[in-house]
N, C-alpha and C. Protein backbone atom coordinates (compact mmCIF):
# COMPACT_ATOMS: atom_id res chain seq x y z
N MET A 1 0.78 -1.42 -0.54
CA MET A 1 0.13 -0.13 0.09
C MET A 1 0.74 1.37 0.18
N GLY A 2 0.53 2.02 -0.05
CA GLY A 2 1.30 3.35 -0.89
C GLY A 2 1.12 4.24 0.26
N ILE A 3 1.73 5.56 0.51
CA ILE A 3 1.68 6.18 1.06
C ILE A 3 0.47 7.10 1.27
N PHE A 4 0.01 7.42 0.09
CA PHE A 4 -1.85 7.70 -0.22
C PHE A 4 -2.91 6.90 -0.26
N ASP A 5 -2.27 5.88 -0.29
CA ASP A 5 -3.47 5.12 -0.58
C ASP A 5 -4.31 4.32 1.17
N ALA A 6 -3.48 4.75 2.64
CA ALA A 6 -3.38 4.83 3.44
C ALA A 6 -4.50 5.84 4.26
N GLN A 7 -5.32 5.62 5.58
CA GLN A 7 -5.94 6.26 5.97
C GLN A 7 -5.60 7.26 7.57
N TYR A 8 -5.58 8.16 7.64
CA TYR A 8 -4.86 9.12 8.28
C TYR A 8 -5.79 9.77 9.29
N PRO A 9 -5.21 10.27 10.79
CA PRO A 9 -6.18 11.02 11.38
C PRO A 9 -6.82 12.40 10.75
N PHE A 10 -7.50 13.24 10.66
CA PHE A 10 -7.66 14.25 10.02
C PHE A 10 -6.41 14.71 9.69
N GLN A 11 -6.63 16.10 9.89
CA GLN A 11 -5.71 17.05 10.30
C GLN A 11 -4.49 16.65 9.41
N LEU A 12 -3.79 14.77 9.93
CA LEU A 12 -2.32 14.58 8.86
C LEU A 12 -3.09 14.12 8.00
N GLN A 13 -4.33 13.75 7.28
CA GLN A 13 -4.99 13.12 5.99
C GLN A 13 -5.28 14.29 5.10
N GLN A 14 -4.74 15.61 5.82
CA GLN A 14 -5.64 17.03 5.28
C GLN A 14 -4.00 16.98 4.47
N ALA A 15 -3.04 16.61 5.75
CA ALA A 15 -1.76 17.34 5.03
C ALA A 15 -1.20 16.02 3.62
N ILE A 16 -1.41 15.08 3.84
CA ILE A 16 -1.28 14.11 2.99
C ILE A 16 -1.90 14.40 1.54
N ASP A 17 -3.20 14.50 1.48
CA ASP A 17 -3.73 14.90 0.58
C ASP A 17 -3.50 16.07 -0.52
N HIS A 18 -2.78 17.17 0.02
CA HIS A 18 -2.37 18.14 -0.39
C HIS A 18 -0.76 17.83 -0.88
N ALA A 19 -0.16 16.98 -0.14
CA ALA A 19 0.57 16.46 -1.21
C ALA A 19 0.67 15.72 -1.76
N GLU A 20 -0.18 14.49 -2.43
CA GLU A 20 -0.86 13.50 -3.30
C GLU A 20 -1.35 14.52 -4.05
N ARG A 21 -1.92 15.48 -4.10
CA ARG A 21 -2.36 16.72 -5.19
C ARG A 21 -0.97 17.36 -5.68
N PHE A 22 -0.38 17.67 -4.75
CA PHE A 22 0.93 18.59 -4.65
C PHE A 22 2.52 17.07 -6.13
N VAL A 23 2.16 15.67 -5.85
CA VAL A 23 2.96 14.95 -6.78
C VAL A 23 2.07 14.53 -7.71
N ALA A 24 0.63 14.70 -7.92
CA ALA A 24 -0.37 15.28 -9.07
C ALA A 24 0.62 15.83 -9.99
N LEU A 25 0.34 17.22 -9.61
CA LEU A 25 1.26 18.38 -10.43
C LEU A 25 2.61 18.38 -10.35
N LEU A 26 3.42 17.80 -9.60
CA LEU A 26 4.80 17.96 -9.96
C LEU A 26 5.10 16.74 -11.30
N SER A 27 4.14 16.09 -11.28
CA SER A 27 4.45 14.79 -12.28
C SER A 27 3.84 15.28 -13.61
N SER A 28 2.74 15.89 -13.81
CA SER A 28 1.99 16.76 -14.70
C SER A 28 3.32 17.77 -15.57
N ALA A 29 3.90 17.98 -14.44
CA ALA A 29 4.70 19.15 -15.20
C ALA A 29 6.02 18.16 -16.07
N ASN A 30 6.30 16.48 -14.73
CA ASN A 30 7.13 16.39 -15.95
C ASN A 30 6.97 16.05 -16.91
N ALA A 31 5.92 16.01 -17.28
CA ALA A 31 5.79 15.56 -18.84
C ALA A 31 5.70 16.43 -19.79
N GLN A 32 5.55 17.36 -18.93
CA GLN A 32 6.01 19.19 -20.10
C GLN A 32 7.41 18.78 -19.66
N ALA A 33 7.37 18.52 -19.01
CA ALA A 33 9.93 19.38 -18.77
C ALA A 33 10.33 19.83 -19.98
N GLN A 34 10.08 20.24 -21.06
CA GLN A 34 10.80 20.37 -21.66
C GLN A 34 10.70 22.23 -21.71
N ALA A 35 8.85 22.39 -21.34
CA ALA A 35 8.50 24.10 -21.12
C ALA A 35 9.52 24.30 -20.05
N PHE A 36 10.33 24.27 -19.23
CA PHE A 36 11.14 24.42 -18.23
C PHE A 36 12.16 24.73 -18.64
N ASN A 37 13.59 25.80 -18.37
CA ASN A 37 14.39 25.93 -18.38
C ASN A 37 15.54 24.75 -17.77
N GLU A 38 16.92 25.12 -17.95
CA GLU A 38 18.00 23.50 -17.61
C GLU A 38 17.24 23.56 -15.65
N VAL A 39 17.29 24.25 -15.37
CA VAL A 39 17.35 24.55 -14.07
C VAL A 39 16.19 23.76 -12.93
N GLY A 40 15.02 24.40 -14.17
CA GLY A 40 14.21 24.06 -13.90
C GLY A 40 13.88 22.28 -13.64
N ARG A 41 13.90 22.26 -14.84
CA ARG A 41 14.40 20.61 -15.50
C ARG A 41 15.28 20.13 -15.01
N ALA A 42 15.84 20.34 -14.08
CA ALA A 42 17.08 19.76 -13.01
C ALA A 42 15.70 19.67 -11.56
N TRP A 43 15.77 20.65 -11.32
CA TRP A 43 15.04 20.85 -9.80
C TRP A 43 13.78 20.50 -9.66
N LEU A 44 13.14 20.29 -10.83
CA LEU A 44 12.35 18.87 -10.91
C LEU A 44 11.96 17.00 -11.22
N THR A 45 13.95 17.42 -11.12
CA THR A 45 14.09 15.52 -11.60
C THR A 45 13.77 15.05 -10.26
N GLY A 46 13.10 14.46 -10.05
CA GLY A 46 13.27 12.62 -8.88
C GLY A 46 12.29 13.48 -7.65
N ARG A 47 11.39 14.25 -7.76
CA ARG A 47 11.13 15.68 -6.77
C ARG A 47 9.85 14.83 -6.41
N THR A 48 9.09 14.28 -7.26
CA THR A 48 7.72 13.20 -6.79
C THR A 48 8.63 11.77 -5.96
N GLU A 49 9.56 11.84 -6.67
CA GLU A 49 10.29 10.22 -5.37
C GLU A 49 10.69 10.99 -4.61
N GLU A 50 11.11 11.59 -4.76
CA GLU A 50 11.82 12.46 -2.82
C GLU A 50 10.60 12.83 -1.96
N VAL A 51 9.52 13.54 -2.59
CA VAL A 51 8.65 13.57 -1.63
C VAL A 51 8.00 12.91 -1.21
N GLU A 52 7.45 11.53 -2.03
CA GLU A 52 7.41 10.66 -1.16
C GLU A 52 7.82 10.36 -0.42
N THR A 53 8.67 9.53 -0.65
CA THR A 53 10.04 9.06 0.31
C THR A 53 10.53 9.85 1.69
N VAL A 54 10.01 11.45 1.95
CA VAL A 54 10.03 12.06 3.20
C VAL A 54 8.52 11.81 3.87
N LEU A 55 7.63 11.49 3.15
CA LEU A 55 6.34 11.83 4.02
C LEU A 55 6.03 9.19 4.16
N ASP A 56 6.69 9.24 3.61
CA ASP A 56 6.89 7.62 3.68
C ASP A 56 7.80 8.03 5.39
N ALA A 57 8.90 8.28 5.48
CA ALA A 57 9.64 8.45 6.73
C ALA A 57 9.08 9.11 7.87
N LEU A 58 7.82 10.38 7.46
CA LEU A 58 7.57 11.07 8.67
C LEU A 58 6.26 10.00 8.58
N VAL A 59 4.87 9.75 8.48
CA VAL A 59 4.59 8.38 8.50
C VAL A 59 4.95 7.38 8.90
N ALA A 60 6.11 6.94 8.60
CA ALA A 60 6.30 5.67 9.82
C ALA A 60 7.27 5.73 11.45
N ASP A 61 7.37 7.51 11.19
CA ASP A 61 8.23 7.88 12.33
C ASP A 61 6.71 8.10 13.16
N TRP A 62 6.30 8.44 13.03
CA TRP A 62 4.38 8.83 13.54
C TRP A 62 3.29 7.73 13.91
N GLN A 63 3.91 6.52 12.57
CA GLN A 63 3.02 5.13 13.43
C GLN A 63 3.76 4.40 14.64
N ARG A 64 5.08 4.99 14.75
CA ARG A 64 5.62 4.09 15.58
C ARG A 64 5.59 4.61 17.00
N GLY A 65 5.05 5.66 16.95
CA GLY A 65 5.23 6.90 17.87
C GLY A 65 5.72 7.43 17.75
N GLN A 66 7.02 7.99 17.73
CA GLN A 66 7.89 8.92 17.96
C GLN A 66 8.31 9.92 17.65
N LEU A 67 6.77 10.19 16.90
CA LEU A 67 6.36 11.50 16.42
C LEU A 67 4.93 12.19 16.01
N PRO A 68 5.10 12.47 17.52
CA PRO A 68 3.10 13.21 17.60
C PRO A 68 2.85 13.68 16.29
N GLU A 69 0.72 12.78 16.49
CA GLU A 69 0.39 13.62 15.32
C GLU A 69 0.78 15.20 14.56
N ARG A 70 0.06 15.81 15.78
CA ARG A 70 0.66 17.49 14.95
C ARG A 70 1.92 17.52 14.84
N ALA A 71 2.80 16.90 15.60
CA ALA A 71 3.94 17.24 14.45
C ALA A 71 4.63 16.81 13.63
N ALA A 72 3.65 15.31 12.63
CA ALA A 72 3.72 14.80 11.91
C ALA A 72 2.93 16.28 10.76
N VAL A 73 2.15 16.33 11.63
CA VAL A 73 1.18 17.40 10.56
C VAL A 73 1.80 18.71 9.93
N VAL A 74 3.04 19.58 11.13
CA VAL A 74 3.55 20.20 10.80
C VAL A 74 4.53 20.39 9.99
N ALA A 75 5.02 19.00 10.32
CA ALA A 75 6.18 18.55 9.65
C ALA A 75 6.08 17.98 8.19
N VAL A 76 5.43 17.70 8.11
CA VAL A 76 4.48 16.99 6.06
C VAL A 76 4.14 19.27 5.56
N SER A 77 3.46 19.22 6.21
CA SER A 77 3.37 21.35 6.12
C SER A 77 4.44 21.60 5.99
N SER A 78 4.97 21.87 6.47
CA SER A 78 6.53 22.49 6.68
C SER A 78 7.49 22.37 5.55
N TYR A 79 6.81 20.85 4.94
CA TYR A 79 8.43 20.32 3.99
C TYR A 79 7.38 20.95 2.82
N LEU A 80 6.11 20.50 2.72
CA LEU A 80 5.47 21.54 1.47
C LEU A 80 5.83 22.79 1.38
N GLY A 81 5.76 23.51 2.26
CA GLY A 81 5.62 24.54 1.95
C GLY A 81 6.96 24.66 1.63
N ALA A 82 8.00 24.40 1.99
CA ALA A 82 9.65 24.20 1.15
C ALA A 82 9.34 23.90 -0.77
N MET A 83 8.91 22.54 -0.98
CA MET A 83 8.50 22.46 -2.21
C MET A 83 7.58 23.37 -3.23
N HIS A 84 6.78 24.09 -2.39
CA HIS A 84 6.30 25.42 -3.13
C HIS A 84 7.10 26.08 -2.77
N ALA A 85 7.72 26.64 -2.41
CA ALA A 85 8.44 27.64 -2.96
C ALA A 85 9.73 27.24 -3.98
N GLY A 86 10.45 25.94 -3.82
CA GLY A 86 10.78 25.57 -4.85
C GLY A 86 9.84 25.58 -6.40
N ALA A 87 8.79 24.86 -5.55
CA ALA A 87 8.09 25.32 -7.18
C ALA A 87 7.84 26.77 -7.22
N ALA A 88 7.94 27.00 -6.99
CA ALA A 88 7.32 28.26 -7.89
C ALA A 88 8.75 29.46 -8.42
N ARG A 89 9.54 29.71 -8.41
CA ARG A 89 11.39 29.69 -8.43
C ARG A 89 11.61 29.02 -9.22
N TYR A 90 11.53 27.91 -9.67
CA TYR A 90 12.18 27.10 -10.51
C TYR A 90 11.00 26.31 -11.37
N LEU A 91 9.44 26.34 -11.53
CA LEU A 91 8.57 26.16 -12.83
C LEU A 91 8.01 27.24 -12.68
N GLY A 92 7.99 28.52 -12.07
CA GLY A 92 6.89 29.70 -11.89
C GLY A 92 5.82 29.66 -11.97
N MET A 93 5.17 28.64 -9.96
CA MET A 93 3.97 28.67 -10.20
C MET A 93 3.24 29.54 -9.60
N GLY A 94 3.92 30.58 -8.79
CA GLY A 94 2.88 31.57 -8.09
C GLY A 94 2.96 31.15 -7.13
N PRO A 95 2.31 32.04 -6.13
CA PRO A 95 2.24 31.90 -4.58
C PRO A 95 1.52 30.70 -4.26
N GLU A 96 0.91 30.82 -5.20
CA GLU A 96 -0.32 29.62 -4.92
C GLU A 96 -0.60 28.20 -5.98
N ALA A 97 -0.45 27.40 -5.71
CA ALA A 97 -0.08 26.08 -6.67
C ALA A 97 -1.62 25.96 -6.87
N PRO A 98 -1.62 24.93 -8.57
CA PRO A 98 -2.92 24.77 -8.22
C PRO A 98 -3.17 23.73 -7.31
N CYS A 99 -2.85 23.20 -6.52
CA CYS A 99 -2.55 21.22 -5.01
C CYS A 99 -3.42 22.77 -3.84
N CYS A 100 -3.07 23.57 -3.99
CA CYS A 100 -3.62 24.35 -2.86
C CYS A 100 -4.62 24.92 -3.45
N ARG A 101 -5.19 24.97 -4.73
CA ARG A 101 -6.95 25.62 -4.77
C ARG A 101 -8.14 24.18 -4.56
N ILE A 102 -9.26 23.95 -3.95
CA ILE A 102 -9.68 22.96 -3.32
C ILE A 102 -11.62 23.66 -3.44
N ASP A 103 -11.95 22.88 -3.32
CA ASP A 103 -13.38 23.47 -3.03
C ASP A 103 -13.60 23.22 -2.08
N VAL A 104 -14.09 24.25 -1.38
CA VAL A 104 -14.23 24.57 -0.55
C VAL A 104 -15.95 24.31 0.36
N ALA A 105 -16.52 24.45 -0.73
CA ALA A 105 -18.16 24.76 -0.19
C ALA A 105 -19.21 23.01 0.09
N ASN A 106 -18.23 22.58 0.06
CA ASN A 106 -18.94 21.34 0.69
C ASN A 106 -18.25 21.08 1.99
N THR A 107 -17.59 21.48 2.80
CA THR A 107 -16.88 21.74 3.60
C THR A 107 -17.89 22.48 5.07
N ILE A 108 -18.27 23.40 4.26
CA ILE A 108 -18.94 24.59 5.04
C ILE A 108 -20.14 23.30 6.49
N PRO A 109 -19.89 23.92 6.61
CA PRO A 109 -20.92 23.36 8.35
C PRO A 109 -22.99 24.10 7.79
N LEU A 110 -23.52 22.61 7.75
CA LEU A 110 -24.68 23.42 7.29
C LEU A 110 -25.24 24.33 8.50
N THR A 111 -25.31 24.08 9.94
CA THR A 111 -25.03 24.52 10.91
C THR A 111 -24.86 24.64 11.95
N PRO A 112 -24.99 25.55 13.17
CA PRO A 112 -23.26 25.85 13.61
C PRO A 112 -22.84 24.97 14.52
N TYR A 113 -23.29 23.63 14.20
CA TYR A 113 -22.95 22.53 15.90
C TYR A 113 -22.40 20.82 14.95
N GLU A 114 -22.37 21.33 13.48
CA GLU A 114 -22.88 19.60 12.60
C GLU A 114 -21.04 20.04 12.48
N ASP A 115 -19.72 20.81 12.70
CA ASP A 115 -18.80 20.16 12.11
C ASP A 115 -18.16 20.74 13.54
N ALA A 116 -18.91 20.44 14.77
CA ALA A 116 -18.55 21.00 15.52
C ALA A 116 -16.58 19.82 16.57
N GLY A 117 -17.15 19.17 15.54
CA GLY A 117 -16.48 17.94 16.54
C GLY A 117 -14.40 17.80 15.51
N ALA A 118 -14.98 18.69 14.41
CA ALA A 118 -13.92 18.24 13.64
C ALA A 118 -12.82 20.18 14.47
N ALA A 119 -13.11 20.29 15.13
CA ALA A 119 -13.12 21.96 14.93
C ALA A 119 -11.54 22.20 15.88
N ASP A 120 -10.37 22.71 15.63
CA ASP A 120 -9.18 22.44 16.27
C ASP A 120 -8.92 22.58 17.89
N THR A 121 -8.65 21.48 18.11
CA THR A 121 -8.64 21.53 19.70
C THR A 121 -7.48 21.15 20.59
N LEU A 122 -6.49 21.55 19.93
CA LEU A 122 -5.42 21.34 20.38
C LEU A 122 -4.73 22.88 20.96
N PRO A 123 -3.88 22.06 22.27
CA PRO A 123 -3.61 23.27 23.68
C PRO A 123 -3.03 24.70 22.63
N GLY A 124 -3.55 25.18 23.85
CA GLY A 124 -3.08 26.14 22.75
C GLY A 124 -4.16 27.96 21.57
N SER A 125 -5.55 26.67 20.87
CA SER A 125 -5.71 27.12 19.78
C SER A 125 -7.20 27.58 20.31
N PRO A 126 -7.67 28.29 19.60
CA PRO A 126 -8.61 29.74 20.10
C PRO A 126 -9.37 28.69 20.81
N ALA A 127 -9.58 27.77 19.47
CA ALA A 127 -11.48 26.45 20.34
C ALA A 127 -10.80 26.31 21.67
N ALA A 128 -9.61 25.46 21.98
CA ALA A 128 -8.84 24.66 23.06
C ALA A 128 -9.14 25.82 24.43
N LEU A 129 -8.80 27.46 23.96
CA LEU A 129 -9.27 28.00 25.05
C LEU A 129 -10.48 28.91 25.26
N ALA A 130 -11.22 28.60 24.59
CA ALA A 130 -12.76 29.28 24.10
C ALA A 130 -13.46 28.54 25.42
N ASP A 131 -13.08 26.82 24.94
CA ASP A 131 -13.00 25.43 26.45
C ASP A 131 -12.51 26.72 27.30
N SER A 132 -11.94 26.83 27.23
CA SER A 132 -10.87 26.57 29.15
C SER A 132 -11.46 27.46 29.88
N GLY A 133 -12.20 29.05 29.25
CA GLY A 133 -12.26 29.89 29.52
C GLY A 133 -11.00 30.40 30.06
N ARG A 134 -10.13 30.62 29.43
CA ARG A 134 -9.12 31.03 28.98
C ARG A 134 -8.78 32.21 28.12
N PRO A 135 -8.25 33.35 28.45
CA PRO A 135 -8.86 34.90 27.31
C PRO A 135 -7.55 33.99 26.03
N GLU A 136 -7.83 34.48 24.81
CA GLU A 136 -7.19 34.35 23.96
C GLU A 136 -5.50 35.48 23.92
N ARG A 137 -4.17 34.45 23.28
CA ARG A 137 -2.80 35.05 23.96
C ARG A 137 -2.86 36.38 22.30
């Protein structure tokens, strides 16, 4: 089973899904590599495999309990941020790559309480602070 075929907790799944869209974008760019200059083609070479390898290592660490879920989410997101910066610089993808644009219309809750379980309740988050009665920082 590949890294993109498994199921993960919600926030980690969101990060992995974004990485999967980014890999698809890189694969598409690879098919049109002649459109990029020599430096862009060099940056693109092996990049999809690199992304999958890094994600495999991060997920393996999380599965072994060596990396908390939140740390895995931050690590995946940070790594993707660096990859997006490279794609913008060397492939001219601009500040918001197409893999970042998703349809959010179906994620809007129909009632105020319908999506309450998906709220970010990590320590220090606005939702956790509101639940604790402590003021936001």
